[in-house]
């Protein structure tokens, strides 16, 4: 956590308009992840810095973002507000790990390959 905060602090010294962060929660405990994301939100809201965040923790990324892009094989296949993406059944099942009633009934949905195009 200290290394992540140090890296963010060093980046902020140049007073950027855009801050790109790649996996800020990588290897951190849930408590430290929460702290890092709170810091990121404060940087965005209080300092007016735009944050471009790459994060595999989809739940956390959607919780703290204003807009989200879903990449598949390096291409943007979905782009929307986090609230909209959180309600999408495929995203719930395949990215957030939330089973739906349909997915519990059978394995066809599990076996199919999801393409969002």
PDB file of N, CA and C in Angstrom:
ATOM      1  N   UNK A   1       0.807  -1.195   0.000  1.00  0.00           N
ATOM      2  CA  UNK A   1       0.000   0.000   0.000  1.00  0.00           C
ATOM      3  C   UNK A   1       0.846   1.252   0.000  1.00  0.00           C
ATOM      4  N   UNK A   2       1.949   1.216   0.746  1.00  0.00           N
ATOM      5  CA  UNK A   2       2.814   2.394   0.822  1.00  0.00           C
ATOM      6  C   UNK A   2       3.434   2.710  -0.534  1.00  0.00           C
ATOM      7  N   UNK A   3       3.824   1.675  -1.277  1.00  0.00           N
ATOM      8  CA  UNK A   3       4.400   1.897  -2.603  1.00  0.00           C
ATOM      9  C   UNK A   3       3.378   2.520  -3.546  1.00  0.00           C
ATOM     10  N   UNK A   4       2.141   2.048  -3.471  1.00  0.00           N
ATOM     11  CA  UNK A   4       1.096   2.612  -4.328  1.00  0.00           C
ATOM     12  C   UNK A   4       0.875   4.081  -3.999  1.00  0.00           C
ATOM     13  N   UNK A   5       0.789   4.406  -2.711  1.00  0.00           N
ATOM     14  CA  UNK A   5       0.569   5.794  -2.303  1.00  0.00           C
ATOM     15  C   UNK A   5       1.751   6.668  -2.703  1.00  0.00           C
ATOM     16  N   UNK A   6       2.955   6.135  -2.580  1.00  0.00           N
ATOM     17  CA  UNK A   6       4.147   6.878  -2.982  1.00  0.00           C
ATOM     18  C   UNK A   6       4.128   7.149  -4.483  1.00  0.00           C
ATOM     19  N   UNK A   7       3.784   6.144  -5.266  1.00  0.00           N
ATOM     20  CA  UNK A   7       3.723   6.309  -6.721  1.00  0.00           C
ATOM     21  C   UNK A   7       2.678   7.351  -7.113  1.00  0.00           C
ATOM     22  N   UNK A   8       1.526   7.314  -6.469  1.00  0.00           N
ATOM     23  CA  UNK A   8       0.473   8.296  -6.754  1.00  0.00           C
ATOM     24  C   UNK A   8       0.941   9.685  -6.342  1.00  0.00           C
ATOM     25  N   UNK A   9       1.559   9.793  -5.167  1.00  0.00           N
ATOM     26  CA  UNK A   9       2.073  11.082  -4.692  1.00  0.00           C
ATOM     27  C   UNK A   9       3.112  11.670  -5.622  1.00  0.00           C
ATOM     28  N   UNK A  10       4.029  10.835  -6.092  1.00  0.00           N
ATOM     29  CA  UNK A  10       5.058  11.305  -7.026  1.00  0.00           C
ATOM     30  C   UNK A  10       4.426  11.794  -8.320  1.00  0.00           C
ATOM     31  N   UNK A  11       3.420  11.082  -8.793  1.00  0.00           N
ATOM     32  CA  UNK A  11       2.744  11.484 -10.031  1.00  0.00           C
ATOM     33  C   UNK A  11       2.016  12.813  -9.852  1.00  0.00           C
ATOM     34  N   UNK A  12       1.471  13.049  -8.664  1.00  0.00           N
ATOM     35  CA  UNK A  12       0.706  14.278  -8.415  1.00  0.00           C
ATOM     36  C   UNK A  12       1.591  15.513  -8.257  1.00  0.00           C
ATOM     37  N   UNK A  13       2.878  15.319  -8.023  1.00  0.00           N
ATOM     38  CA  UNK A  13       3.774  16.457  -7.824  1.00  0.00           C
ATOM     39  C   UNK A  13       3.847  17.356  -9.061  1.00  0.00           C
ATOM     40  N   UNK A  14       3.606  16.801 -10.228  1.00  0.00           N
ATOM     41  CA  UNK A  14       3.652  17.600 -11.457  1.00  0.00           C
ATOM     42  C   UNK A  14       2.299  18.234 -11.791  1.00  0.00           C
ATOM     43  N   UNK A  15       1.342  18.107 -10.872  1.00  0.00           N
ATOM     44  CA  UNK A  15      -0.006  18.656 -11.032  1.00  0.00           C
ATOM     45  C   UNK A  15      -0.640  18.286 -12.386  1.00  0.00           C
ATOM     46  N   UNK A  16      -0.812  16.996 -12.620  1.00  0.00           N
ATOM     47  CA  UNK A  16      -1.366  16.566 -13.914  1.00  0.00           C
ATOM     48  C   UNK A  16      -2.860  16.848 -14.016  1.00  0.00           C
ATOM     49  N   UNK A  17      -3.345  16.938 -15.245  1.00  0.00           N
ATOM     50  CA  UNK A  17      -4.785  17.033 -15.483  1.00  0.00           C
ATOM     51  C   UNK A  17      -5.376  15.636 -15.621  1.00  0.00           C
ATOM     52  N   UNK A  18      -4.526  14.685 -16.022  1.00  0.00           N
ATOM     53  CA  UNK A  18      -4.923  13.294 -16.210  1.00  0.00           C
ATOM     54  C   UNK A  18      -3.925  12.396 -15.486  1.00  0.00           C
ATOM     55  N   UNK A  19      -4.442  11.460 -14.713  1.00  0.00           N
ATOM     56  CA  UNK A  19      -3.603  10.502 -13.996  1.00  0.00           C
ATOM     57  C   UNK A  19      -4.010   9.101 -14.437  1.00  0.00           C
ATOM     58  N   UNK A  20      -3.069   8.359 -15.016  1.00  0.00           N
ATOM     59  CA  UNK A  20      -3.345   6.999 -15.460  1.00  0.00           C
ATOM     60  C   UNK A  20      -2.817   6.019 -14.415  1.00  0.00           C
ATOM     61  N   UNK A  21      -3.697   5.154 -13.926  1.00  0.00           N
ATOM     62  CA  UNK A  21      -3.327   4.181 -12.896  1.00  0.00           C
ATOM     63  C   UNK A  21      -3.596   2.773 -13.407  1.00  0.00           C
ATOM     64  N   UNK A  22      -2.581   1.926 -13.333  1.00  0.00           N
ATOM     65  CA  UNK A  22      -2.695   0.545 -13.789  1.00  0.00           C
ATOM     66  C   UNK A  22      -2.698  -0.386 -12.580  1.00  0.00           C
ATOM     67  N   UNK A  23      -3.832  -1.004 -12.329  1.00  0.00           N
ATOM     68  CA  UNK A  23      -3.991  -1.968 -11.238  1.00  0.00           C
ATOM     69  C   UNK A  23      -3.524  -1.434  -9.881  1.00  0.00           C
ATOM     70  N   UNK A  24      -4.096  -0.338  -9.393  1.00  0.00           N
ATOM     71  CA  UNK A  24      -3.651   0.199  -8.108  1.00  0.00           C
ATOM     72  C   UNK A  24      -3.924  -0.729  -6.922  1.00  0.00           C
ATOM     73  N   UNK A  25      -4.823  -1.688  -7.082  1.00  0.00           N
ATOM     74  CA  UNK A  25      -5.141  -2.589  -5.964  1.00  0.00           C
ATOM     75  C   UNK A  25      -4.359  -3.899  -6.011  1.00  0.00           C
ATOM     76  N   UNK A  26      -3.509  -4.069  -6.999  1.00  0.00           N
ATOM     77  CA  UNK A  26      -2.785  -5.324  -7.182  1.00  0.00           C
ATOM     78  C   UNK A  26      -1.963  -5.685  -5.945  1.00  0.00           C
ATOM     79  N   UNK A  27      -2.256  -6.849  -5.378  1.00  0.00           N
ATOM     80  CA  UNK A  27      -1.503  -7.361  -4.243  1.00  0.00           C
ATOM     81  C   UNK A  27      -1.836  -6.729  -2.902  1.00  0.00           C
ATOM     82  N   UNK A  28      -2.874  -5.910  -2.851  1.00  0.00           N
ATOM     83  CA  UNK A  28      -3.228  -5.239  -1.597  1.00  0.00           C
ATOM     84  C   UNK A  28      -4.353  -5.977  -0.881  1.00  0.00           C
ATOM     85  N   UNK A  29      -4.387  -5.835   0.427  1.00  0.00           N
ATOM     86  CA  UNK A  29      -5.484  -6.396   1.215  1.00  0.00           C
ATOM     87  C   UNK A  29      -6.753  -5.601   0.910  1.00  0.00           C
ATOM     88  N   UNK A  30      -7.920  -6.167   1.200  1.00  0.00           N
ATOM     89  CA  UNK A  30      -9.165  -5.436   0.967  1.00  0.00           C
ATOM     90  C   UNK A  30      -9.208  -4.077   1.681  1.00  0.00           C
ATOM     91  N   UNK A  31      -8.655  -4.002   2.880  1.00  0.00           N
ATOM     92  CA  UNK A  31      -8.655  -2.742   3.626  1.00  0.00           C
ATOM     93  C   UNK A  31      -7.796  -1.688   2.927  1.00  0.00           C
ATOM     94  N   UNK A  32      -6.607  -2.080   2.485  1.00  0.00           N
ATOM     95  CA  UNK A  32      -5.738  -1.145   1.775  1.00  0.00           C
ATOM     96  C   UNK A  32      -6.306  -0.779   0.408  1.00  0.00           C
ATOM     97  N   UNK A  33      -6.955  -1.733  -0.244  1.00  0.00           N
ATOM     98  CA  UNK A  33      -7.602  -1.451  -1.527  1.00  0.00           C
ATOM     99  C   UNK A  33      -8.649  -0.365  -1.349  1.00  0.00           C
ATOM    100  N   UNK A  34      -9.459  -0.490  -0.312  1.00  0.00           N
ATOM    101  CA  UNK A  34     -10.480   0.515  -0.012  1.00  0.00           C
ATOM    102  C   UNK A  34      -9.831   1.876   0.220  1.00  0.00           C
ATOM    103  N   UNK A  35      -8.743   1.903   0.962  1.00  0.00           N
ATOM    104  CA  UNK A  35      -8.050   3.156   1.256  1.00  0.00           C
ATOM    105  C   UNK A  35      -7.494   3.797  -0.020  1.00  0.00           C
ATOM    106  N   UNK A  36      -6.875   2.987  -0.878  1.00  0.00           N
ATOM    107  CA  UNK A  36      -6.328   3.503  -2.138  1.00  0.00           C
ATOM    108  C   UNK A  36      -7.442   4.080  -3.003  1.00  0.00           C
ATOM    109  N   UNK A  37      -8.561   3.374  -3.099  1.00  0.00           N
ATOM    110  CA  UNK A  37      -9.661   3.867  -3.922  1.00  0.00           C
ATOM    111  C   UNK A  37     -10.284   5.135  -3.335  1.00  0.00           C
ATOM    112  N   UNK A  38     -10.325   5.256  -2.022  1.00  0.00           N
ATOM    113  CA  UNK A  38     -10.797   6.504  -1.413  1.00  0.00           C
ATOM    114  C   UNK A  38      -9.866   7.658  -1.762  1.00  0.00           C
ATOM    115  N   UNK A  39      -8.569   7.403  -1.758  1.00  0.00           N
ATOM    116  CA  UNK A  39      -7.592   8.430  -2.136  1.00  0.00           C
ATOM    117  C   UNK A  39      -7.789   8.824  -3.597  1.00  0.00           C
ATOM    118  N   UNK A  40      -7.992   7.831  -4.458  1.00  0.00           N
ATOM    119  CA  UNK A  40      -8.208   8.101  -5.880  1.00  0.00           C
ATOM    120  C   UNK A  40      -9.453   8.958  -6.072  1.00  0.00           C
ATOM    121  N   UNK A  41     -10.519   8.621  -5.354  1.00  0.00           N
ATOM    122  CA  UNK A  41     -11.755   9.411  -5.464  1.00  0.00           C
ATOM    123  C   UNK A  41     -11.520  10.855  -5.008  1.00  0.00           C
ATOM    124  N   UNK A  42     -10.790  11.035  -3.908  1.00  0.00           N
ATOM    125  CA  UNK A  42     -10.495  12.388  -3.420  1.00  0.00           C
ATOM    126  C   UNK A  42      -9.673  13.183  -4.420  1.00  0.00           C
ATOM    127  N   UNK A  43      -8.705  12.539  -5.041  1.00  0.00           N
ATOM    128  CA  UNK A  43      -7.890  13.216  -6.053  1.00  0.00           C
ATOM    129  C   UNK A  43      -8.782  13.699  -7.188  1.00  0.00           C
ATOM    130  N   UNK A  44      -9.706  12.859  -7.595  1.00  0.00           N
ATOM    131  CA  UNK A  44     -10.620  13.216  -8.675  1.00  0.00           C
ATOM    132  C   UNK A  44     -11.568  14.336  -8.269  1.00  0.00           C
ATOM    133  N   UNK A  45     -12.213  14.204  -7.131  1.00  0.00           N
ATOM    134  CA  UNK A  45     -13.241  15.158  -6.731  1.00  0.00           C
ATOM    135  C   UNK A  45     -12.680  16.466  -6.188  1.00  0.00           C
ATOM    136  N   UNK A  46     -11.677  16.403  -5.351  1.00  0.00           N
ATOM    137  CA  UNK A  46     -11.167  17.618  -4.701  1.00  0.00           C
ATOM    138  C   UNK A  46     -10.138  18.359  -5.538  1.00  0.00           C
ATOM    139  N   UNK A  47      -9.297  17.603  -6.256  1.00  0.00           N
ATOM    140  CA  UNK A  47      -8.242  18.240  -7.037  1.00  0.00           C
ATOM    141  C   UNK A  47      -8.620  18.405  -8.505  1.00  0.00           C
ATOM    142  N   UNK A  48      -9.727  17.805  -8.919  1.00  0.00           N
ATOM    143  CA  UNK A  48     -10.187  17.943 -10.299  1.00  0.00           C
ATOM    144  C   UNK A  48      -9.326  17.207 -11.315  1.00  0.00           C
ATOM    145  N   UNK A  49      -8.619  16.186 -10.869  1.00  0.00           N
ATOM    146  CA  UNK A  49      -7.766  15.411 -11.769  1.00  0.00           C
ATOM    147  C   UNK A  49      -8.596  14.281 -12.376  1.00  0.00           C
ATOM    148  N   UNK A  50      -8.554  14.163 -13.701  1.00  0.00           N
ATOM    149  CA  UNK A  50      -9.218  13.056 -14.372  1.00  0.00           C
ATOM    150  C   UNK A  50      -8.395  11.797 -14.136  1.00  0.00           C
ATOM    151  N   UNK A  51      -9.072  10.713 -13.785  1.00  0.00           N
ATOM    152  CA  UNK A  51      -8.388   9.451 -13.505  1.00  0.00           C
ATOM    153  C   UNK A  51      -8.746   8.446 -14.592  1.00  0.00           C
ATOM    154  N   UNK A  52      -7.735   7.897 -15.241  1.00  0.00           N
ATOM    155  CA  UNK A  52      -7.911   6.794 -16.185  1.00  0.00           C
ATOM    156  C   UNK A  52      -7.418   5.553 -15.461  1.00  0.00           C
ATOM    157  N   UNK A  53      -8.341   4.683 -15.091  1.00  0.00           N
ATOM    158  CA  UNK A  53      -8.040   3.552 -14.214  1.00  0.00           C
ATOM    159  C   UNK A  53      -8.175   2.233 -14.965  1.00  0.00           C
ATOM    160  N   UNK A  54      -7.148   1.417 -14.909  1.00  0.00           N
ATOM    161  CA  UNK A  54      -7.198   0.051 -15.424  1.00  0.00           C
ATOM    162  C   UNK A  54      -7.213  -0.849 -14.197  1.00  0.00           C
ATOM    163  N   UNK A  55      -8.270  -1.649 -14.064  1.00  0.00           N
ATOM    164  CA  UNK A  55      -8.430  -2.428 -12.834  1.00  0.00           C
ATOM    165  C   UNK A  55      -9.179  -3.717 -13.125  1.00  0.00           C
ATOM    166  N   UNK A  56      -8.653  -4.856 -12.629  1.00  0.00           N
ATOM    167  CA  UNK A  56      -9.341  -6.131 -12.792  1.00  0.00           C
ATOM    168  C   UNK A  56     -10.396  -6.359 -11.717  1.00  0.00           C
ATOM    169  N   UNK A  57     -10.329  -5.630 -10.634  1.00  0.00           N
ATOM    170  CA  UNK A  57     -11.341  -5.719  -9.589  1.00  0.00           C
ATOM    171  C   UNK A  57     -12.547  -4.909 -10.076  1.00  0.00           C
ATOM    172  N   UNK A  58     -13.379  -5.562 -10.885  1.00  0.00           N
ATOM    173  CA  UNK A  58     -14.479  -4.886 -11.570  1.00  0.00           C
ATOM    174  C   UNK A  58     -15.437  -4.235 -10.586  1.00  0.00           C
ATOM    175  N   UNK A  59     -15.747  -4.927  -9.516  1.00  0.00           N
ATOM    176  CA  UNK A  59     -16.683  -4.394  -8.531  1.00  0.00           C
ATOM    177  C   UNK A  59     -16.192  -3.061  -7.973  1.00  0.00           C
ATOM    178  N   UNK A  60     -14.927  -3.010  -7.603  1.00  0.00           N
ATOM    179  CA  UNK A  60     -14.343  -1.798  -7.045  1.00  0.00           C
ATOM    180  C   UNK A  60     -14.279  -0.694  -8.106  1.00  0.00           C
ATOM    181  N   UNK A  61     -13.864  -1.052  -9.301  1.00  0.00           N
ATOM    182  CA  UNK A  61     -13.756  -0.068 -10.377  1.00  0.00           C
ATOM    183  C   UNK A  61     -15.115   0.560 -10.680  1.00  0.00           C
ATOM    184  N   UNK A  62     -16.159  -0.250 -10.733  1.00  0.00           N
ATOM    185  CA  UNK A  62     -17.495   0.284 -11.010  1.00  0.00           C
ATOM    186  C   UNK A  62     -18.011   1.132  -9.851  1.00  0.00           C
ATOM    187  N   UNK A  63     -17.639   0.766  -8.646  1.00  0.00           N
ATOM    188  CA  UNK A  63     -18.084   1.514  -7.463  1.00  0.00           C
ATOM    189  C   UNK A  63     -17.514   2.934  -7.445  1.00  0.00           C
ATOM    190  N   UNK A  64     -16.296   3.097  -7.936  1.00  0.00           N
ATOM    191  CA  UNK A  64     -15.611   4.380  -7.828  1.00  0.00           C
ATOM    192  C   UNK A  64     -15.527   5.165  -9.137  1.00  0.00           C
ATOM    193  N   UNK A  65     -16.095   4.666 -10.206  1.00  0.00           N
ATOM    194  CA  UNK A  65     -15.948   5.352 -11.491  1.00  0.00           C
ATOM    195  C   UNK A  65     -17.198   6.132 -11.877  1.00  0.00           C
ATOM    196  N   UNK A  66     -16.987   7.080 -12.779  1.00  0.00           N
ATOM    197  CA  UNK A  66     -18.092   7.851 -13.347  1.00  0.00           C
ATOM    198  C   UNK A  66     -18.520   7.278 -14.690  1.00  0.00           C
ATOM    199  N   UNK A  67     -17.605   6.578 -15.341  1.00  0.00           N
ATOM    200  CA  UNK A  67     -17.864   5.966 -16.641  1.00  0.00           C
ATOM    201  C   UNK A  67     -16.953   4.757 -16.761  1.00  0.00           C
ATOM    202  N   UNK A  68     -17.405   3.720 -17.456  1.00  0.00           N
ATOM    203  CA  UNK A  68     -16.608   2.493 -17.547  1.00  0.00           C
ATOM    204  C   UNK A  68     -16.596   1.950 -18.971  1.00  0.00           C
ATOM    205  N   UNK A  69     -15.474   1.351 -19.310  1.00  0.00           N
ATOM    206  CA  UNK A  69     -15.296   0.683 -20.598  1.00  0.00           C
ATOM    207  C   UNK A  69     -14.985  -0.778 -20.330  1.00  0.00           C
ATOM    208  N   UNK A  70     -15.602  -1.661 -21.096  1.00  0.00           N
ATOM    209  CA  UNK A  70     -15.325  -3.087 -20.996  1.00  0.00           C
ATOM    210  C   UNK A  70     -14.493  -3.475 -22.206  1.00  0.00           C
ATOM    211  N   UNK A  71     -13.310  -4.002 -21.952  1.00  0.00           N
ATOM    212  CA  UNK A  71     -12.408  -4.410 -23.028  1.00  0.00           C
ATOM    213  C   UNK A  71     -12.449  -5.913 -23.207  1.00  0.00           C
ATOM    214  N   UNK A  72     -12.413  -6.329 -24.453  1.00  0.00           N
ATOM    215  CA  UNK A  72     -12.335  -7.748 -24.778  1.00  0.00           C
ATOM    216  C   UNK A  72     -11.329  -7.894 -25.906  1.00  0.00           C
ATOM    217  N   UNK A  73     -10.274  -8.626 -25.655  1.00  0.00           N
ATOM    218  CA  UNK A  73      -9.197  -8.794 -26.637  1.00  0.00           C
ATOM    219  C   UNK A  73      -8.650  -7.456 -27.122  1.00  0.00           C
ATOM    220  N   UNK A  74      -8.519  -6.515 -26.203  1.00  0.00           N
ATOM    221  CA  UNK A  74      -7.931  -5.219 -26.528  1.00  0.00           C
ATOM    222  C   UNK A  74      -8.858  -4.234 -27.208  1.00  0.00           C
ATOM    223  N   UNK A  75     -10.110  -4.569 -27.352  1.00  0.00           N
ATOM    224  CA  UNK A  75     -11.081  -3.672 -27.999  1.00  0.00           C
ATOM    225  C   UNK A  75     -12.184  -3.295 -27.014  1.00  0.00           C
ATOM    226  N   UNK A  76     -12.650  -2.066 -27.140  1.00  0.00           N
ATOM    227  CA  UNK A  76     -13.776  -1.623 -26.316  1.00  0.00           C
ATOM    228  C   UNK A  76     -15.044  -2.243 -26.884  1.00  0.00           C
ATOM    229  N   UNK A  77     -15.722  -3.047 -26.068  1.00  0.00           N
ATOM    230  CA  UNK A  77     -16.943  -3.706 -26.523  1.00  0.00           C
ATOM    231  C   UNK A  77     -18.189  -3.185 -25.808  1.00  0.00           C
ATOM    232  N   UNK A  78     -18.007  -2.516 -24.700  1.00  0.00           N
ATOM    233  CA  UNK A  78     -19.118  -1.874 -23.986  1.00  0.00           C
ATOM    234  C   UNK A  78     -18.590  -0.621 -23.326  1.00  0.00           C
ATOM    235  N   UNK A  79     -19.397   0.410 -23.318  1.00  0.00           N
ATOM    236  CA  UNK A  79     -19.050   1.650 -22.630  1.00  0.00           C
ATOM    237  C   UNK A  79     -20.339   2.250 -22.102  1.00  0.00           C
ATOM    238  N   UNK A  80     -20.381   2.501 -20.797  1.00  0.00           N
ATOM    239  CA  UNK A  80     -21.600   3.051 -20.204  1.00  0.00           C
ATOM    240  C   UNK A  80     -21.316   3.510 -18.782  1.00  0.00           C
ATOM    241  N   UNK A  81     -22.337   4.056 -18.164  1.00  0.00           N
ATOM    242  CA  UNK A  81     -22.233   4.447 -16.760  1.00  0.00           C
ATOM    243  C   UNK A  81     -22.167   3.180 -15.908  1.00  0.00           C
ATOM    244  N   UNK A  82     -21.462   3.232 -14.788  1.00  0.00           N
ATOM    245  CA  UNK A  82     -21.319   2.039 -13.936  1.00  0.00           C
ATOM    246  C   UNK A  82     -22.656   1.445 -13.491  1.00  0.00           C
ATOM    247  N   UNK A  83     -23.626   2.300 -13.221  1.00  0.00           N
ATOM    248  CA  UNK A  83     -24.934   1.805 -12.765  1.00  0.00           C
ATOM    249  C   UNK A  83     -25.583   0.930 -13.831  1.00  0.00           C
ATOM    250  N   UNK A  84     -25.429   1.317 -15.092  1.00  0.00           N
ATOM    251  CA  UNK A  84     -26.013   0.557 -16.200  1.00  0.00           C
ATOM    252  C   UNK A  84     -25.290  -0.781 -16.358  1.00  0.00           C
ATOM    253  N   UNK A  85     -23.975  -0.755 -16.304  1.00  0.00           N
ATOM    254  CA  UNK A  85     -23.203  -1.990 -16.458  1.00  0.00           C
ATOM    255  C   UNK A  85     -23.454  -2.955 -15.307  1.00  0.00           C
ATOM    256  N   UNK A  86     -23.642  -2.444 -14.108  1.00  0.00           N
ATOM    257  CA  UNK A  86     -23.906  -3.307 -12.948  1.00  0.00           C
ATOM    258  C   UNK A  86     -25.218  -4.067 -13.078  1.00  0.00           C
ATOM    259  N   UNK A  87     -26.159  -3.525 -13.831  1.00  0.00           N
ATOM    260  CA  UNK A  87     -27.466  -4.166 -13.991  1.00  0.00           C
ATOM    261  C   UNK A  87     -27.513  -5.145 -15.158  1.00  0.00           C
ATOM    262  N   UNK A  88     -26.504  -5.159 -16.004  1.00  0.00           N
ATOM    263  CA  UNK A  88     -26.456  -6.064 -17.146  1.00  0.00           C
ATOM    264  C   UNK A  88     -26.233  -7.494 -16.648  1.00  0.00           C
ATOM    265  N   UNK A  89     -27.105  -8.414 -17.056  1.00  0.00           N
ATOM    266  CA  UNK A  89     -27.056  -9.793 -16.557  1.00  0.00           C
ATOM    267  C   UNK A  89     -25.747 -10.497 -16.911  1.00  0.00           C
ATOM    268  N   UNK A  90     -25.249 -10.307 -18.138  1.00  0.00           N
ATOM    269  CA  UNK A  90     -23.996 -10.958 -18.531  1.00  0.00           C
ATOM    270  C   UNK A  90     -22.822 -10.421 -17.727  1.00  0.00           C
ATOM    271  N   UNK A  91     -22.783  -9.138 -17.512  1.00  0.00           N
ATOM    272  CA  UNK A  91     -21.690  -8.543 -16.740  1.00  0.00           C
ATOM    273  C   UNK A  91     -21.767  -9.005 -15.289  1.00  0.00           C
ATOM    274  N   UNK A  92     -22.972  -9.079 -14.752  1.00  0.00           N
ATOM    275  CA  UNK A  92     -23.136  -9.591 -13.381  1.00  0.00           C
ATOM    276  C   UNK A  92     -22.545 -10.987 -13.251  1.00  0.00           C
ATOM    277  N   UNK A  93     -22.878 -11.832 -14.210  1.00  0.00           N
ATOM    278  CA  UNK A  93     -22.465 -13.230 -14.112  1.00  0.00           C
ATOM    279  C   UNK A  93     -20.986 -13.438 -14.425  1.00  0.00           C
ATOM    280  N   UNK A  94     -20.507 -12.843 -15.513  1.00  0.00           N
ATOM    281  CA  UNK A  94     -19.159 -13.162 -15.985  1.00  0.00           C
ATOM    282  C   UNK A  94     -18.065 -12.279 -15.400  1.00  0.00           C
ATOM    283  N   UNK A  95     -18.410 -11.093 -14.927  1.00  0.00           N
ATOM    284  CA  UNK A  95     -17.381 -10.191 -14.414  1.00  0.00           C
ATOM    285  C   UNK A  95     -17.520  -9.896 -12.924  1.00  0.00           C
ATOM    286  N   UNK A  96     -18.741  -9.964 -12.409  1.00  0.00           N
ATOM    287  CA  UNK A  96     -18.952  -9.673 -10.992  1.00  0.00           C
ATOM    288  C   UNK A  96     -19.178 -10.937 -10.170  1.00  0.00           C
ATOM    289  N   UNK A  97     -19.329 -12.082 -10.846  1.00  0.00           N
ATOM    290  CA  UNK A  97     -19.491 -13.348 -10.141  1.00  0.00           C
ATOM    291  C   UNK A  97     -20.826 -13.500  -9.445  1.00  0.00           C
ATOM    292  N   UNK A  98     -21.843 -12.817  -9.949  1.00  0.00           N
ATOM    293  CA  UNK A  98     -23.176 -12.895  -9.356  1.00  0.00           C
ATOM    294  C   UNK A  98     -24.019 -13.834 -10.205  1.00  0.00           C
ATOM    295  N   UNK A  99     -24.435 -14.944  -9.630  1.00  0.00           N
ATOM    296  CA  UNK A  99     -25.242 -15.914 -10.359  1.00  0.00           C
ATOM    297  C   UNK A  99     -26.658 -15.388 -10.526  1.00  0.00           C
ATOM    298  N   UNK A 100     -27.195 -15.591 -11.714  1.00  0.00           N
ATOM    299  CA  UNK A 100     -28.582 -15.218 -11.967  1.00  0.00           C
ATOM    300  C   UNK A 100     -29.434 -16.479 -11.911  1.00  0.00           C
ATOM    301  N   UNK A 101     -30.729 -16.302 -11.906  1.00  0.00           N
ATOM    302  CA  UNK A 101     -31.630 -17.450 -11.842  1.00  0.00           C
ATOM    303  C   UNK A 101     -31.426 -18.362 -13.044  1.00  0.00           C
ATOM    304  N   UNK A 102     -31.228 -17.761 -14.226  1.00  0.00           N
ATOM    305  CA  UNK A 102     -31.018 -18.559 -15.434  1.00  0.00           C
ATOM    306  C   UNK A 102     -29.722 -19.353 -15.364  1.00  0.00           C
ATOM    307  N   UNK A 103     -28.673 -18.754 -14.836  1.00  0.00           N
ATOM    308  CA  UNK A 103     -27.381 -19.448 -14.808  1.00  0.00           C
ATOM    309  C   UNK A 103     -27.388 -20.616 -13.830  1.00  0.00           C
ATOM    310  N   UNK A 104     -28.198 -20.531 -12.811  1.00  0.00           N
ATOM    311  CA  UNK A 104     -28.271 -21.605 -11.823  1.00  0.00           C
ATOM    312  C   UNK A 104     -29.052 -22.789 -12.375  1.00  0.00           C
ATOM    313  N   UNK A 105     -30.006 -22.532 -13.286  1.00  0.00           N
ATOM    314  CA  UNK A 105     -30.858 -23.589 -13.817  1.00  0.00           C
ATOM    315  C   UNK A 105     -30.105 -24.577 -14.706  1.00  0.00           C
ATOM    316  N   UNK A 106     -29.099 -24.122 -15.401  1.00  0.00           N
ATOM    317  CA  UNK A 106     -28.417 -25.042 -16.314  1.00  0.00           C
ATOM    318  C   UNK A 106     -27.013 -24.589 -16.646  1.00  0.00           C
ATOM    319  N   UNK A 107     -26.344 -25.441 -17.390  1.00  0.00           N
ATOM    320  CA  UNK A 107     -24.951 -25.157 -17.704  1.00  0.00           C
ATOM    321  C   UNK A 107     -24.770 -24.585 -19.103  1.00  0.00           C
ATOM    322  N   UNK A 108     -25.835 -24.473 -19.873  1.00  0.00           N
ATOM    323  CA  UNK A 108     -25.701 -23.929 -21.221  1.00  0.00           C
ATOM    324  C   UNK A 108     -25.097 -22.533 -21.177  1.00  0.00           C
ATOM    325  N   UNK A 109     -25.565 -21.726 -20.274  1.00  0.00           N
ATOM    326  CA  UNK A 109     -25.077 -20.353 -20.160  1.00  0.00           C
ATOM    327  C   UNK A 109     -23.601 -20.350 -19.751  1.00  0.00           C
ATOM    328  N   UNK A 110     -23.215 -21.282 -18.919  1.00  0.00           N
ATOM    329  CA  UNK A 110     -21.827 -21.372 -18.457  1.00  0.00           C
ATOM    330  C   UNK A 110     -20.893 -21.725 -19.613  1.00  0.00           C
ATOM    331  N   UNK A 111     -21.361 -22.582 -20.486  1.00  0.00           N
ATOM    332  CA  UNK A 111     -20.521 -23.068 -21.574  1.00  0.00           C
ATOM    333  C   UNK A 111     -20.429 -22.098 -22.744  1.00  0.00           C
ATOM    334  N   UNK A 112     -21.399 -21.219 -22.896  1.00  0.00           N
ATOM    335  CA  UNK A 112     -21.376 -20.346 -24.068  1.00  0.00           C
ATOM    336  C   UNK A 112     -20.311 -19.269 -23.924  1.00  0.00           C
ATOM    337  N   UNK A 113     -19.776 -18.888 -25.042  1.00  0.00           N
ATOM    338  CA  UNK A 113     -18.750 -17.854 -25.064  1.00  0.00           C
ATOM    339  C   UNK A 113     -19.455 -16.509 -25.177  1.00  0.00           C
ATOM    340  N   UNK A 114     -19.128 -15.597 -24.314  1.00  0.00           N
ATOM    341  CA  UNK A 114     -19.798 -14.301 -24.304  1.00  0.00           C
ATOM    342  C   UNK A 114     -19.049 -13.339 -25.202  1.00  0.00           C
ATOM    343  N   UNK A 115     -19.771 -12.710 -26.073  1.00  0.00           N
ATOM    344  CA  UNK A 115     -19.250 -11.629 -26.904  1.00  0.00           C
ATOM    345  C   UNK A 115     -20.210 -10.462 -26.748  1.00  0.00           C
ATOM    346  N   UNK A 116     -19.677  -9.307 -26.437  1.00  0.00           N
ATOM    347  CA  UNK A 116     -20.523  -8.146 -26.203  1.00  0.00           C
ATOM    348  C   UNK A 116     -20.662  -7.267 -27.442  1.00  0.00           C
ATOM    349  N   UNK A 117     -20.329  -7.765 -28.593  1.00  0.00           N
ATOM    350  CA  UNK A 117     -20.414  -6.938 -29.811  1.00  0.00           C
ATOM    351  C   UNK A 117     -21.750  -7.024 -30.445  1.00  0.00           C
TER     352      UNK A 117
END
